[in-house]
Amino acid sequence: MKKDRDMKKDRDMKHILEIYFIAGSQDCHDKPLLEVLKEALQAGITCYQFREKGNNSLEKDPAALLELAQACQLLCRQYGVPFIINDNLLLAEHLQADGVHVGQGDTPIQTVIEELGEDYIIGLSTNNLTQFREAENIKGLDYAGIGPAFTPMSKSDHEAVIGLEGLSEAMMDRDHLAAVAIGGINEANASEVWETGVDGIAIVSAVTQSPSIVDTVKKLKKTGK
């Protein structure tokens, strides 16, 4: 399905990945997801992934999930920020989202590419050097997530931490694939992550649990102090 807006052609991928915010209602404890997302957009995030999964999510309430996704998408459009959906091709096509992201155990990446083609930003999670090198050879893939960089606060079932050394190794002799680091990244360690050569950083808890999202996003940016 052709979308009215094709951010993939209009926006630079590295800019899109710079501050990549991932969250669902299950990640927001002190205030609603929409409130957190609006503050994050105002603060300068460059991409948002709607990931409504797991305990305390709306995963088992499709109608409520759809309503929340639509509201999040509307906010993202107001700020000109790409709206990515986590592992739900039907929802992505129904909403004409800007992209889809899948993990290693989700919908096979080739299926995503074949069904959505060039009209969507397509991302894949990689958890080690081997997976990242394999991802570099996947035609139609726009970017790869790489990590966990540190121990994630938002997931208990995460893969083994690869650390800064693992990130640096993945970026070494990289061919072309854009890469966003993920996993336990916050204001205290973001500068070290940037030094590995990644194109962006993905965050969950650093934003959802921040007392000042504006200050947090500023410190997370590549030039943040």
Foldseek 3Di string as FASTA:
>chain_A
DADPDQVVVVDDPLQLFAEEEEDFQVLADPDGPLVLLLLLLVLPHQAYEYDQDDPPGCPVPVVVSLVVLLSSQVSCVVSVHFYEYEQDVVSCVVNVGQAYEYEPPGDDQVVRCVVPPPRHAYEYEDEFLVRLVVVLPDPRHAAYEYFPQEAAPVDPPDDDGPHLVRLLVNQPPRDDHAYEYEHPDWLVCLQSNVVSPHSYYYDYNNRSVDPRNSLGVQSNGNPRD
